[in-house]
Structure formats: structure tokens, C-alpha cells
Amino acid sequence: MALEPNPQPAQSKGRAYRWLLVLPYLGLCFPALYARATPTFFGFPFFYWYQFAWVLLASLLIWICYRKHVD
């Protein structure tokens, strides 16, 4: 009697890209690390442009995960 291979490892192996979605959480989870005024970017304090940069980066990461999931 032949045993069927376990399909679970193949599914989880191809979905490691989902860990990319943890990066925005980690980048914004500790405000004490980025709660400062310098360096400024076009007159905006670091505190504000750092968070806005994560909005753009998180959008890119979500798009990457979406494309990997659909393909």
C-alpha cells in the first residue's frame, strides 16, 4: 500500500513571501525608535516622513504579495 505524499509542505513552502507583510508592522511598532525631528526631508521632520515612507513601502509589499498569490 503506497502512502500519498503530504501536500502541506508544498503549500507552505511557496508562501514564505507572506512574511513580507510583517515588515511594516515591525517598522512602525516602536515609535521610540523614530520619534525625533532630524533628519528632515523637504522640511518635514523624520517622525512624519518615516511613517509616510512606510505607507508607500507597505503598499508595494502588499502588491508584491498579491501578485505572488494570484500567479
C-alpha atoms as a PDB file:
ATOM      1  CA  MET A   1       0.000   0.000   0.000  1.00  0.00           C
ATOM      2  CA  ALA A   2       1.566   3.285  -1.125  1.00  0.00           C
ATOM      3  CA  LEU A   3       1.295   6.347   1.066  1.00  0.00           C
ATOM      4  CA  GLU A   4       0.289   9.618  -0.519  1.00  0.00           C
ATOM      5  CA  PRO A   5       2.714  12.494  -0.044  1.00  0.00           C
ATOM      6  CA  ASN A   6       1.697  15.207   2.374  1.00  0.00           C
ATOM      7  CA  PRO A   7       0.599  18.276   0.328  1.00  0.00           C
ATOM      8  CA  GLN A   8       1.062  20.667   3.258  1.00  0.00           C
ATOM      9  CA  PRO A   9       4.838  21.334   2.909  1.00  0.00           C
ATOM     10  CA  ALA A  10       4.486  22.279  -0.757  1.00  0.00           C
ATOM     11  CA  GLN A  11       1.806  24.849   0.052  1.00  0.00           C
ATOM     12  CA  SER A  12       3.645  26.443   2.948  1.00  0.00           C
ATOM     13  CA  LYS A  13       6.971  26.472   1.085  1.00  0.00           C
ATOM     14  CA  GLY A  14       5.592  28.629  -1.710  1.00  0.00           C
ATOM     15  CA  ARG A  15       4.010  31.143   0.640  1.00  0.00           C
ATOM     16  CA  ALA A  16       7.037  32.407   2.512  1.00  0.00           C
ATOM     17  CA  TYR A  17       6.567  35.781   0.790  1.00  0.00           C
ATOM     18  CA  ARG A  18       3.705  36.460   3.210  1.00  0.00           C
ATOM     19  CA  TRP A  19       6.294  37.270   5.867  1.00  0.00           C
ATOM     20  CA  LEU A  20       6.914  40.489   3.928  1.00  0.00           C
ATOM     21  CA  LEU A  21       3.673  41.776   5.430  1.00  0.00           C
ATOM     22  CA  VAL A  22       5.271  41.727   8.888  1.00  0.00           C
ATOM     23  CA  LEU A  23       7.857  44.370   7.916  1.00  0.00           C
ATOM     24  CA  PRO A  24       5.528  47.419   8.101  1.00  0.00           C
ATOM     25  CA  TYR A  25       4.322  46.275  11.490  1.00  0.00           C
ATOM     26  CA  LEU A  26       7.852  45.938  12.811  1.00  0.00           C
ATOM     27  CA  GLY A  27       8.939  49.201  11.232  1.00  0.00           C
ATOM     28  CA  LEU A  28       6.177  51.161  12.964  1.00  0.00           C
ATOM     29  CA  CYS A  29       5.690  49.151  16.135  1.00  0.00           C
ATOM     30  CA  PHE A  30       8.269  51.018  18.195  1.00  0.00           C
ATOM     31  CA  PRO A  31       7.748  54.801  17.908  1.00  0.00           C
ATOM     32  CA  ALA A  32      10.567  55.473  20.357  1.00  0.00           C
ATOM     33  CA  LEU A  33      12.993  54.494  17.585  1.00  0.00           C
ATOM     34  CA  TYR A  34      11.744  57.116  15.119  1.00  0.00           C
ATOM     35  CA  ALA A  35      10.221  59.815  17.359  1.00  0.00           C
ATOM     36  CA  ARG A  36      12.709  62.553  16.530  1.00  0.00           C
ATOM     37  CA  ALA A  37      12.849  65.654  14.383  1.00  0.00           C
ATOM     38  CA  THR A  38      16.069  65.084  12.462  1.00  0.00           C
ATOM     39  CA  PRO A  39      16.881  64.357   9.706  1.00  0.00           C
ATOM     40  CA  THR A  40      14.327  66.429   7.858  1.00  0.00           C
ATOM     41  CA  PHE A  41      13.139  65.740   4.324  1.00  0.00           C
ATOM     42  CA  PHE A  42      11.825  68.749   2.395  1.00  0.00           C
ATOM     43  CA  GLY A  43      11.167  70.433   5.740  1.00  0.00           C
ATOM     44  CA  PHE A  44       9.241  67.507   7.230  1.00  0.00           C
ATOM     45  CA  PRO A  45      10.566  66.066  10.497  1.00  0.00           C
ATOM     46  CA  PHE A  46      11.774  62.472  10.478  1.00  0.00           C
ATOM     47  CA  PHE A  47       8.797  61.328  12.541  1.00  0.00           C
ATOM     48  CA  TYR A  48       6.356  62.225   9.776  1.00  0.00           C
ATOM     49  CA  TRP A  49       8.236  61.265   6.631  1.00  0.00           C
ATOM     50  CA  TYR A  50       9.339  57.949   8.110  1.00  0.00           C
ATOM     51  CA  GLN A  51       5.711  56.948   8.659  1.00  0.00           C
ATOM     52  CA  PHE A  52       4.706  58.156   5.215  1.00  0.00           C
ATOM     53  CA  ALA A  53       7.552  56.173   3.662  1.00  0.00           C
ATOM     54  CA  TRP A  54       6.112  53.078   5.327  1.00  0.00           C
ATOM     55  CA  VAL A  55       2.723  53.798   3.754  1.00  0.00           C
ATOM     56  CA  LEU A  56       4.350  53.661   0.324  1.00  0.00           C
ATOM     57  CA  LEU A  57       6.525  50.673   1.190  1.00  0.00           C
ATOM     58  CA  ALA A  58       3.610  48.754   2.704  1.00  0.00           C
ATOM     59  CA  SER A  59       1.591  49.361  -0.463  1.00  0.00           C
ATOM     60  CA  LEU A  60       4.443  47.954  -2.517  1.00  0.00           C
ATOM     61  CA  LEU A  61       4.784  44.908  -0.260  1.00  0.00           C
ATOM     62  CA  ILE A  62       1.041  44.224  -0.378  1.00  0.00           C
ATOM     63  CA  TRP A  63       1.134  44.458  -4.177  1.00  0.00           C
ATOM     64  CA  ILE A  64       4.061  42.003  -4.318  1.00  0.00           C
ATOM     65  CA  CYS A  65       2.209  39.537  -2.083  1.00  0.00           C
ATOM     66  CA  TYR A  66      -0.951  39.922  -4.137  1.00  0.00           C
ATOM     67  CA  ARG A  67       0.887  39.255  -7.405  1.00  0.00           C
ATOM     68  CA  LYS A  68       2.621  36.193  -5.914  1.00  0.00           C
ATOM     69  CA  HIS A  69      -0.706  34.877  -4.615  1.00  0.00           C
ATOM     70  CA  VAL A  70      -2.511  35.349  -7.927  1.00  0.00           C
ATOM     71  CA  ASP A  71       0.254  33.847 -10.070  1.00  0.00           C
END
